[in-house]
Amino acid sequence: MSRLLDKYNQIDETSLWKEYRATKKPEIRSYLVEKYSPLVKHVAGRVAIGMPQNVEFDDLVSYGVFGLLDAIEKFDPAREIKFKTYAMTRIRGSIFDELRSVDWIPRSIRQKAKQLEQIIGMLENKEGKPVEDEVIAKELGVSMEEYTSILTKISGTSLVSLNDIWFLGDENDEVSFMETLESPSNMNPDVIIEREEIKNVIVEAIKTLPEKEKKVIVLYYYEDLTLKEIGEVLEVTESRISQLHTKAVMRLRSKLGKVKSVVTRK
């Protein structure tokens, strides 16, 4: 492998990507896997922060490898995006996909998260604006202390739940929240337009969030900061950031879930 690194490190990477796209040479693929494998541990490490103890770091790394391989196969050097940026999105998406498939979240917590999402959606639809914690807690029939405890318990689900928001377009084309952070490529114009419309809907939904929740979403998903790092930026505890993130995700899922229903019926 060291010979491959020495050989291909001397070649302009744009040219190397073009050659791989044209030839699919296994040795170029091996070189790219070796070069970018540290990204997998980097992303897995950031995802691991805030996850329950039963989620093993090594498992996250193995899930992320699938994302790196997928990124290498699908990356288009003609796009105006760096491979590192594209790969990190794919790696994180792959980790979340696998976490969902192994169903690591207890059913009781999943049900509580769904209940909270529905209540927030109902209240905000009724009020026409974001509602305060006290209003949500009252509707849930719990004290503020119990409400805070609920947010803490379901915080792990919110770290992956934005990837659960799917929009079905032509020929069952699927678009996830994370994919809207990427520029569309190799699609017909109708699909590109639809994805751009969905991206705009998500951006508008984020704009409606309370200011602190908006900052958490932007810093976590767009700036790739950990919850701990966001806490340092906003000068609050990591647990408070986790709660803000959970509430933001519940609000977004409620808003975007309605859009999903409309798009599916088209």
C-alpha atoms as a PDB file:
ATOM      1  CA  MET A   1       0.000   0.000   0.000  1.00  0.00           C
ATOM      2  CA  SER A   2       2.859   2.386   0.709  1.00  0.00           C
ATOM      3  CA  ARG A   3       3.971   1.986  -2.924  1.00  0.00           C
ATOM      4  CA  LEU A   4       0.494   3.021  -4.072  1.00  0.00           C
ATOM      5  CA  LEU A   5       0.587   6.053  -1.807  1.00  0.00           C
ATOM      6  CA  ASP A   6       3.972   7.054  -3.177  1.00  0.00           C
ATOM      7  CA  LYS A   7       2.837   6.480  -6.751  1.00  0.00           C
ATOM      8  CA  TYR A   8      -0.476   8.337  -6.666  1.00  0.00           C
ATOM      9  CA  ASN A   9       0.496  11.086  -4.253  1.00  0.00           C
ATOM     10  CA  GLN A  10       2.528  12.539  -7.107  1.00  0.00           C
ATOM     11  CA  ILE A  11      -0.511  12.782  -9.401  1.00  0.00           C
ATOM     12  CA  ASP A  12      -2.915  15.725  -9.391  1.00  0.00           C
ATOM     13  CA  GLU A  13      -6.027  14.453  -7.600  1.00  0.00           C
ATOM     14  CA  THR A  14      -8.464  15.891 -10.115  1.00  0.00           C
ATOM     15  CA  SER A  15      -6.705  13.937 -12.851  1.00  0.00           C
ATOM     16  CA  LEU A  16      -6.705  10.853 -10.656  1.00  0.00           C
ATOM     17  CA  TRP A  17     -10.451  11.076 -10.095  1.00  0.00           C
ATOM     18  CA  LYS A  18     -11.054  11.456 -13.805  1.00  0.00           C
ATOM     19  CA  GLU A  19      -8.930   8.385 -14.472  1.00  0.00           C
ATOM     20  CA  TYR A  20     -10.804   6.374 -11.875  1.00  0.00           C
ATOM     21  CA  ARG A  21     -14.160   7.445 -13.280  1.00  0.00           C
ATOM     22  CA  ALA A  22     -13.023   6.275 -16.700  1.00  0.00           C
ATOM     23  CA  THR A  23     -11.199   3.064 -15.767  1.00  0.00           C
ATOM     24  CA  LYS A  24     -12.356   1.970 -12.287  1.00  0.00           C
ATOM     25  CA  LYS A  25      -8.859   0.653 -11.623  1.00  0.00           C
ATOM     26  CA  PRO A  26      -8.838  -1.341  -8.341  1.00  0.00           C
ATOM     27  CA  GLU A  27      -5.463   0.079  -7.326  1.00  0.00           C
ATOM     28  CA  ILE A  28      -6.723   3.651  -7.623  1.00  0.00           C
ATOM     29  CA  ARG A  29      -9.741   2.702  -5.538  1.00  0.00           C
ATOM     30  CA  SER A  30      -7.449   1.132  -2.929  1.00  0.00           C
ATOM     31  CA  TYR A  31      -5.362   4.287  -2.857  1.00  0.00           C
ATOM     32  CA  LEU A  32      -8.423   6.490  -2.335  1.00  0.00           C
ATOM     33  CA  VAL A  33      -9.740   4.226   0.430  1.00  0.00           C
ATOM     34  CA  GLU A  34      -6.369   4.329   2.183  1.00  0.00           C
ATOM     35  CA  LYS A  35      -6.002   8.083   1.812  1.00  0.00           C
ATOM     36  CA  TYR A  36      -9.453   8.967   3.082  1.00  0.00           C
ATOM     37  CA  SER A  37      -9.992   6.248   5.691  1.00  0.00           C
ATOM     38  CA  PRO A  38      -9.062   8.671   8.529  1.00  0.00           C
ATOM     39  CA  LEU A  39     -12.244  10.575   7.628  1.00  0.00           C
ATOM     40  CA  VAL A  40     -14.300   7.579   8.751  1.00  0.00           C
ATOM     41  CA  LYS A  41     -12.827   7.621  12.264  1.00  0.00           C
ATOM     42  CA  HIS A  42     -13.169  11.404  12.381  1.00  0.00           C
ATOM     43  CA  VAL A  43     -16.882  11.317  11.525  1.00  0.00           C
ATOM     44  CA  ALA A  44     -17.537   8.254  13.717  1.00  0.00           C
ATOM     45  CA  GLY A  45     -15.874  10.017  16.625  1.00  0.00           C
ATOM     46  CA  ARG A  46     -18.085  13.059  16.253  1.00  0.00           C
ATOM     47  CA  VAL A  47     -21.232  10.963  15.899  1.00  0.00           C
ATOM     48  CA  ALA A  48     -20.270   8.899  18.961  1.00  0.00           C
ATOM     49  CA  ILE A  49     -20.384  11.985  21.182  1.00  0.00           C
ATOM     50  CA  GLY A  50     -23.826  12.010  22.753  1.00  0.00           C
ATOM     51  CA  MET A  51     -24.677   8.446  21.771  1.00  0.00           C
ATOM     52  CA  PRO A  52     -25.729   5.914  24.450  1.00  0.00           C
ATOM     53  CA  GLN A  53     -22.992   3.710  25.897  1.00  0.00           C
ATOM     54  CA  ASN A  54     -24.386   0.639  24.149  1.00  0.00           C
ATOM     55  CA  VAL A  55     -23.359   2.140  20.784  1.00  0.00           C
ATOM     56  CA  GLU A  56     -19.786   0.984  20.133  1.00  0.00           C
ATOM     57  CA  PHE A  57     -17.299   3.294  18.410  1.00  0.00           C
ATOM     58  CA  ASP A  58     -15.880   0.395  16.347  1.00  0.00           C
ATOM     59  CA  ASP A  59     -19.379  -0.342  15.062  1.00  0.00           C
ATOM     60  CA  LEU A  60     -19.774   3.276  13.968  1.00  0.00           C
ATOM     61  CA  VAL A  61     -16.457   3.049  12.117  1.00  0.00           C
ATOM     62  CA  SER A  62     -17.500  -0.123  10.309  1.00  0.00           C
ATOM     63  CA  TYR A  63     -20.805   1.518   9.328  1.00  0.00           C
ATOM     64  CA  GLY A  64     -18.933   4.555   8.068  1.00  0.00           C
ATOM     65  CA  VAL A  65     -16.656   2.505   5.808  1.00  0.00           C
ATOM     66  CA  PHE A  66     -19.677   1.690   3.645  1.00  0.00           C
ATOM     67  CA  GLY A  67     -20.284   5.406   3.255  1.00  0.00           C
ATOM     68  CA  LEU A  68     -16.699   6.046   2.172  1.00  0.00           C
ATOM     69  CA  LEU A  69     -16.858   3.270  -0.424  1.00  0.00           C
ATOM     70  CA  ASP A  70     -20.165   4.640  -1.687  1.00  0.00           C
ATOM     71  CA  ALA A  71     -18.706   8.149  -1.889  1.00  0.00           C
ATOM     72  CA  ILE A  72     -15.716   6.934  -3.920  1.00  0.00           C
ATOM     73  CA  GLU A  73     -17.994   5.197  -6.402  1.00  0.00           C
ATOM     74  CA  LYS A  74     -20.400   8.106  -6.812  1.00  0.00           C
ATOM     75  CA  PHE A  75     -18.140  11.148  -6.589  1.00  0.00           C
ATOM     76  CA  ASP A  76     -18.044  13.315  -9.696  1.00  0.00           C
ATOM     77  CA  PRO A  77     -14.893  15.480  -9.965  1.00  0.00           C
ATOM     78  CA  ALA A  78     -16.784  17.835 -12.285  1.00  0.00           C
ATOM     79  CA  ARG A  79     -18.978  18.956  -9.397  1.00  0.00           C
ATOM     80  CA  GLU A  80     -18.086  22.113  -7.503  1.00  0.00           C
ATOM     81  CA  ILE A  81     -17.590  20.284  -4.226  1.00  0.00           C
ATOM     82  CA  LYS A  82     -14.530  18.806  -2.559  1.00  0.00           C
ATOM     83  CA  PHE A  83     -14.422  15.054  -2.140  1.00  0.00           C
ATOM     84  CA  LYS A  84     -13.737  15.420   1.586  1.00  0.00           C
ATOM     85  CA  THR A  85     -16.957  17.375   2.062  1.00  0.00           C
ATOM     86  CA  TYR A  86     -18.950  14.935  -0.059  1.00  0.00           C
ATOM     87  CA  ALA A  87     -17.453  11.888   1.665  1.00  0.00           C
ATOM     88  CA  MET A  88     -18.122  13.183   5.169  1.00  0.00           C
ATOM     89  CA  THR A  89     -21.801  13.589   4.321  1.00  0.00           C
ATOM     90  CA  ARG A  90     -21.959  10.068   2.866  1.00  0.00           C
ATOM     91  CA  ILE A  91     -20.077   8.555   5.800  1.00  0.00           C
ATOM     92  CA  ARG A  92     -22.336  10.183   8.358  1.00  0.00           C
ATOM     93  CA  GLY A  93     -25.421   9.172   6.392  1.00  0.00           C
ATOM     94  CA  SER A  94     -24.205   5.582   6.221  1.00  0.00           C
ATOM     95  CA  ILE A  95     -23.636   5.482   9.983  1.00  0.00           C
ATOM     96  CA  PHE A  96     -27.135   6.783  10.641  1.00  0.00           C
ATOM     97  CA  ASP A  97     -28.652   4.329   8.152  1.00  0.00           C
ATOM     98  CA  GLU A  98     -27.027   1.400   9.935  1.00  0.00           C
ATOM     99  CA  LEU A  99     -28.023   2.684  13.377  1.00  0.00           C
ATOM    100  CA  ARG A 100     -31.637   2.738  12.239  1.00  0.00           C
ATOM    101  CA  SER A 101     -31.410  -0.728  10.718  1.00  0.00           C
ATOM    102  CA  VAL A 102     -30.154  -2.294  13.962  1.00  0.00           C
ATOM    103  CA  ASP A 103     -32.959  -0.492  15.847  1.00  0.00           C
ATOM    104  CA  TRP A 104     -30.820   0.474  18.839  1.00  0.00           C
ATOM    105  CA  ILE A 105     -33.444   2.840  20.256  1.00  0.00           C
ATOM    106  CA  PRO A 106     -35.831   1.265  22.836  1.00  0.00           C
ATOM    107  CA  ARG A 107     -39.443   1.187  21.639  1.00  0.00           C
ATOM    108  CA  SER A 108     -40.697   3.165  24.654  1.00  0.00           C
ATOM    109  CA  ILE A 109     -38.316   6.039  23.877  1.00  0.00           C
ATOM    110  CA  ARG A 110     -39.207   5.953  20.189  1.00  0.00           C
ATOM    111  CA  GLN A 111     -42.903   6.163  21.081  1.00  0.00           C
ATOM    112  CA  LYS A 112     -42.264   9.079  23.447  1.00  0.00           C
ATOM    113  CA  ALA A 113     -40.340  10.911  20.697  1.00  0.00           C
ATOM    114  CA  LYS A 114     -43.235  10.376  18.277  1.00  0.00           C
ATOM    115  CA  GLN A 115     -45.727  11.639  20.845  1.00  0.00           C
ATOM    116  CA  LEU A 116     -43.646  14.766  21.468  1.00  0.00           C
ATOM    117  CA  GLU A 117     -43.303  15.414  17.732  1.00  0.00           C
ATOM    118  CA  GLN A 118     -47.073  15.159  17.256  1.00  0.00           C
ATOM    119  CA  ILE A 119     -47.837  17.459  20.193  1.00  0.00           C
ATOM    120  CA  ILE A 120     -45.354  20.095  19.030  1.00  0.00           C
ATOM    121  CA  GLY A 121     -46.799  19.909  15.520  1.00  0.00           C
ATOM    122  CA  MET A 122     -50.364  20.252  16.793  1.00  0.00           C
ATOM    123  CA  LEU A 123     -49.574  23.173  19.084  1.00  0.00           C
ATOM    124  CA  GLU A 124     -47.506  25.098  16.537  1.00  0.00           C
ATOM    125  CA  ASN A 125     -50.084  24.529  13.821  1.00  0.00           C
ATOM    126  CA  LYS A 126     -52.713  25.918  16.191  1.00  0.00           C
ATOM    127  CA  GLU A 127     -50.625  28.896  17.356  1.00  0.00           C
ATOM    128  CA  GLY A 128     -48.927  29.567  14.029  1.00  0.00           C
ATOM    129  CA  LYS A 129     -45.562  30.019  15.733  1.00  0.00           C
ATOM    130  CA  PRO A 130     -43.017  28.095  17.879  1.00  0.00           C
ATOM    131  CA  VAL A 131     -44.450  27.310  21.307  1.00  0.00           C
ATOM    132  CA  GLU A 132     -42.643  27.578  24.638  1.00  0.00           C
ATOM    133  CA  ASP A 133     -41.503  24.629  26.732  1.00  0.00           C
ATOM    134  CA  GLU A 134     -44.105  25.320  29.399  1.00  0.00           C
ATOM    135  CA  VAL A 135     -46.931  24.995  26.859  1.00  0.00           C
ATOM    136  CA  ILE A 136     -45.545  21.701  25.530  1.00  0.00           C
ATOM    137  CA  ALA A 137     -45.080  20.307  29.046  1.00  0.00           C
ATOM    138  CA  LYS A 138     -48.652  21.271  29.965  1.00  0.00           C
ATOM    139  CA  GLU A 139     -50.032  19.539  26.877  1.00  0.00           C
ATOM    140  CA  LEU A 140     -47.964  16.452  27.732  1.00  0.00           C
ATOM    141  CA  GLY A 141     -49.393  16.578  31.236  1.00  0.00           C
ATOM    142  CA  VAL A 142     -45.988  16.633  32.941  1.00  0.00           C
ATOM    143  CA  SER A 143     -43.951  19.028  35.076  1.00  0.00           C
ATOM    144  CA  MET A 144     -41.084  21.013  33.595  1.00  0.00           C
ATOM    145  CA  GLU A 145     -38.665  18.713  35.394  1.00  0.00           C
ATOM    146  CA  GLU A 146     -40.304  15.648  33.830  1.00  0.00           C
ATOM    147  CA  TYR A 147     -40.360  17.384  30.445  1.00  0.00           C
ATOM    148  CA  THR A 148     -36.618  18.070  30.645  1.00  0.00           C
ATOM    149  CA  SER A 149     -36.042  14.424  31.572  1.00  0.00           C
ATOM    150  CA  ILE A 150     -38.039  13.312  28.506  1.00  0.00           C
ATOM    151  CA  LEU A 151     -35.927  15.521  26.240  1.00  0.00           C
ATOM    152  CA  THR A 152     -32.765  13.988  27.679  1.00  0.00           C
ATOM    153  CA  LYS A 153     -34.032  10.438  27.151  1.00  0.00           C
ATOM    154  CA  ILE A 154     -34.975  10.974  23.517  1.00  0.00           C
ATOM    155  CA  SER A 155     -31.933  13.103  22.610  1.00  0.00           C
ATOM    156  CA  GLY A 156     -30.186  10.081  21.086  1.00  0.00           C
ATOM    157  CA  THR A 157     -33.057   9.529  18.665  1.00  0.00           C
ATOM    158  CA  SER A 158     -32.854  13.104  17.427  1.00  0.00           C
ATOM    159  CA  LEU A 159     -29.236  12.684  16.360  1.00  0.00           C
ATOM    160  CA  VAL A 160     -30.343  10.360  13.577  1.00  0.00           C
ATOM    161  CA  SER A 161     -33.970  11.295  13.044  1.00  0.00           C
ATOM    162  CA  LEU A 162     -33.453  14.074  10.484  1.00  0.00           C
ATOM    163  CA  ASN A 163     -32.131  11.402   8.146  1.00  0.00           C
ATOM    164  CA  ASP A 164     -35.516   9.677   8.491  1.00  0.00           C
ATOM    165  CA  ILE A 165     -37.294  12.482   6.633  1.00  0.00           C
ATOM    166  CA  TRP A 166     -37.766  11.175   3.114  1.00  0.00           C
ATOM    167  CA  PHE A 167     -39.425  12.863   0.160  1.00  0.00           C
ATOM    168  CA  LEU A 168     -40.645  10.678  -2.678  1.00  0.00           C
ATOM    169  CA  GLY A 169     -40.447  12.170  -6.145  1.00  0.00           C
ATOM    170  CA  ASP A 170     -40.576  10.750  -9.644  1.00  0.00           C
ATOM    171  CA  GLU A 171     -39.964   7.012  -9.822  1.00  0.00           C
ATOM    172  CA  ASN A 172     -39.720   6.814  -6.016  1.00  0.00           C
ATOM    173  CA  ASP A 173     -36.627   8.999  -5.959  1.00  0.00           C
ATOM    174  CA  GLU A 174     -35.621   9.451  -2.320  1.00  0.00           C
ATOM    175  CA  VAL A 175     -34.176  12.608  -0.834  1.00  0.00           C
ATOM    176  CA  SER A 176     -32.983  12.855   2.771  1.00  0.00           C
ATOM    177  CA  PHE A 177     -32.175  15.918   4.861  1.00  0.00           C
ATOM    178  CA  MET A 178     -28.451  15.237   4.629  1.00  0.00           C
ATOM    179  CA  GLU A 179     -28.592  14.853   0.839  1.00  0.00           C
ATOM    180  CA  THR A 180     -30.033  18.337   0.491  1.00  0.00           C
ATOM    181  CA  LEU A 181     -26.731  19.652   1.825  1.00  0.00           C
ATOM    182  CA  GLU A 182     -25.088  18.349  -1.359  1.00  0.00           C
ATOM    183  CA  SER A 183     -25.332  19.802  -4.854  1.00  0.00           C
ATOM    184  CA  PRO A 184     -27.402  17.621  -7.199  1.00  0.00           C
ATOM    185  CA  SER A 185     -25.541  15.966 -10.058  1.00  0.00           C
ATOM    186  CA  ASN A 186     -26.257  13.613 -12.952  1.00  0.00           C
ATOM    187  CA  MET A 187     -30.026  14.039 -12.618  1.00  0.00           C
ATOM    188  CA  ASN A 188     -32.681  15.064 -15.085  1.00  0.00           C
ATOM    189  CA  PRO A 189     -33.825  18.697 -14.791  1.00  0.00           C
ATOM    190  CA  ASP A 190     -37.148  17.801 -13.135  1.00  0.00           C
ATOM    191  CA  VAL A 191     -35.416  15.914 -10.310  1.00  0.00           C
ATOM    192  CA  ILE A 192     -32.893  18.728  -9.834  1.00  0.00           C
ATOM    193  CA  ILE A 193     -35.704  21.274  -9.586  1.00  0.00           C
ATOM    194  CA  GLU A 194     -37.623  19.097  -7.133  1.00  0.00           C
ATOM    195  CA  ARG A 195     -34.589  18.597  -4.915  1.00  0.00           C
ATOM    196  CA  GLU A 196     -33.877  22.312  -4.958  1.00  0.00           C
ATOM    197  CA  GLU A 197     -37.490  22.982  -3.970  1.00  0.00           C
ATOM    198  CA  ILE A 198     -37.153  20.537  -1.072  1.00  0.00           C
ATOM    199  CA  LYS A 199     -33.896  22.168  -0.021  1.00  0.00           C
ATOM    200  CA  ASN A 200     -35.644  25.548  -0.008  1.00  0.00           C
ATOM    201  CA  VAL A 201     -38.468  24.118   2.110  1.00  0.00           C
ATOM    202  CA  ILE A 202     -35.933  22.817   4.660  1.00  0.00           C
ATOM    203  CA  VAL A 203     -34.112  26.157   4.748  1.00  0.00           C
ATOM    204  CA  GLU A 204     -37.402  27.981   5.319  1.00  0.00           C
ATOM    205  CA  ALA A 205     -38.368  25.515   8.060  1.00  0.00           C
ATOM    206  CA  ILE A 206     -35.038  26.121   9.808  1.00  0.00           C
ATOM    207  CA  LYS A 207     -35.628  29.872   9.625  1.00  0.00           C
ATOM    208  CA  THR A 208     -38.851  29.472  11.636  1.00  0.00           C
ATOM    209  CA  LEU A 209     -37.032  27.863  14.584  1.00  0.00           C
ATOM    210  CA  PRO A 210     -36.381  29.849  17.773  1.00  0.00           C
ATOM    211  CA  GLU A 211     -33.009  31.584  17.506  1.00  0.00           C
ATOM    212  CA  LYS A 212     -31.009  29.255  19.774  1.00  0.00           C
ATOM    213  CA  GLU A 213     -32.429  26.109  18.165  1.00  0.00           C
ATOM    214  CA  LYS A 214     -31.654  27.526  14.737  1.00  0.00           C
ATOM    215  CA  LYS A 215     -28.040  28.128  15.735  1.00  0.00           C
ATOM    216  CA  VAL A 216     -27.718  24.573  17.057  1.00  0.00           C
ATOM    217  CA  ILE A 217     -29.005  23.067  13.788  1.00  0.00           C
ATOM    218  CA  VAL A 218     -26.753  25.242  11.645  1.00  0.00           C
ATOM    219  CA  LEU A 219     -23.655  24.586  13.766  1.00  0.00           C
ATOM    220  CA  TYR A 220     -24.284  20.836  14.030  1.00  0.00           C
ATOM    221  CA  TYR A 221     -25.338  19.976  10.474  1.00  0.00           C
ATOM    222  CA  TYR A 222     -23.715  22.720   8.407  1.00  0.00           C
ATOM    223  CA  GLU A 223     -20.602  23.582  10.421  1.00  0.00           C
ATOM    224  CA  ASP A 224     -19.996  20.016  11.668  1.00  0.00           C
ATOM    225  CA  LEU A 225     -19.476  21.016  15.304  1.00  0.00           C
ATOM    226  CA  THR A 226     -20.137  18.529  18.112  1.00  0.00           C
ATOM    227  CA  LEU A 227     -22.780  19.266  20.750  1.00  0.00           C
ATOM    228  CA  LYS A 228     -19.972  19.973  23.218  1.00  0.00           C
ATOM    229  CA  GLU A 229     -18.333  22.456  20.835  1.00  0.00           C
ATOM    230  CA  ILE A 230     -21.685  24.151  20.221  1.00  0.00           C
ATOM    231  CA  GLY A 231     -22.130  24.466  23.978  1.00  0.00           C
ATOM    232  CA  GLU A 232     -18.810  26.277  24.181  1.00  0.00           C
ATOM    233  CA  VAL A 233     -19.843  28.625  21.371  1.00  0.00           C
ATOM    234  CA  LEU A 234     -23.232  29.436  22.932  1.00  0.00           C
ATOM    235  CA  GLU A 235     -21.834  29.333  26.478  1.00  0.00           C
ATOM    236  CA  VAL A 236     -24.260  26.730  27.823  1.00  0.00           C
ATOM    237  CA  THR A 237     -23.868  23.109  28.916  1.00  0.00           C
ATOM    238  CA  GLU A 238     -23.689  20.212  26.476  1.00  0.00           C
ATOM    239  CA  SER A 239     -26.875  18.757  27.985  1.00  0.00           C
ATOM    240  CA  ARG A 240     -28.686  22.039  27.274  1.00  0.00           C
ATOM    241  CA  ILE A 241     -27.480  21.950  23.664  1.00  0.00           C
ATOM    242  CA  SER A 242     -28.727  18.354  23.421  1.00  0.00           C
ATOM    243  CA  GLN A 243     -32.164  19.490  24.600  1.00  0.00           C
ATOM    244  CA  LEU A 244     -32.227  22.399  22.143  1.00  0.00           C
ATOM    245  CA  HIS A 245     -31.212  20.033  19.337  1.00  0.00           C
ATOM    246  CA  THR A 246     -33.962  17.592  20.272  1.00  0.00           C
ATOM    247  CA  LYS A 247     -36.639  20.304  20.275  1.00  0.00           C
ATOM    248  CA  ALA A 248     -35.394  21.685  16.964  1.00  0.00           C
ATOM    249  CA  VAL A 249     -35.548  18.248  15.362  1.00  0.00           C
ATOM    250  CA  MET A 250     -39.065  17.637  16.691  1.00  0.00           C
ATOM    251  CA  ARG A 251     -40.203  20.952  15.206  1.00  0.00           C
ATOM    252  CA  LEU A 252     -38.525  20.254  11.861  1.00  0.00           C
ATOM    253  CA  ARG A 253     -39.864  16.712  11.633  1.00  0.00           C
ATOM    254  CA  SER A 254     -43.360  18.006  12.272  1.00  0.00           C
ATOM    255  CA  LYS A 255     -43.103  20.715   9.614  1.00  0.00           C
ATOM    256  CA  LEU A 256     -41.292  18.627   7.011  1.00  0.00           C
ATOM    257  CA  GLY A 257     -43.487  15.593   7.620  1.00  0.00           C
ATOM    258  CA  LYS A 258     -46.424  17.594   6.254  1.00  0.00           C
ATOM    259  CA  VAL A 259     -44.408  18.453   3.153  1.00  0.00           C
ATOM    260  CA  LYS A 260     -43.529  14.772   2.728  1.00  0.00           C
ATOM    261  CA  SER A 261     -47.221  13.882   2.666  1.00  0.00           C
ATOM    262  CA  VAL A 262     -47.923  16.513   0.002  1.00  0.00           C
ATOM    263  CA  VAL A 263     -44.994  15.402  -2.199  1.00  0.00           C
ATOM    264  CA  THR A 264     -45.918  11.730  -1.850  1.00  0.00           C
ATOM    265  CA  ARG A 265     -49.444  12.427  -3.067  1.00  0.00           C
ATOM    266  CA  LYS A 266     -48.225  14.205  -6.230  1.00  0.00           C
END
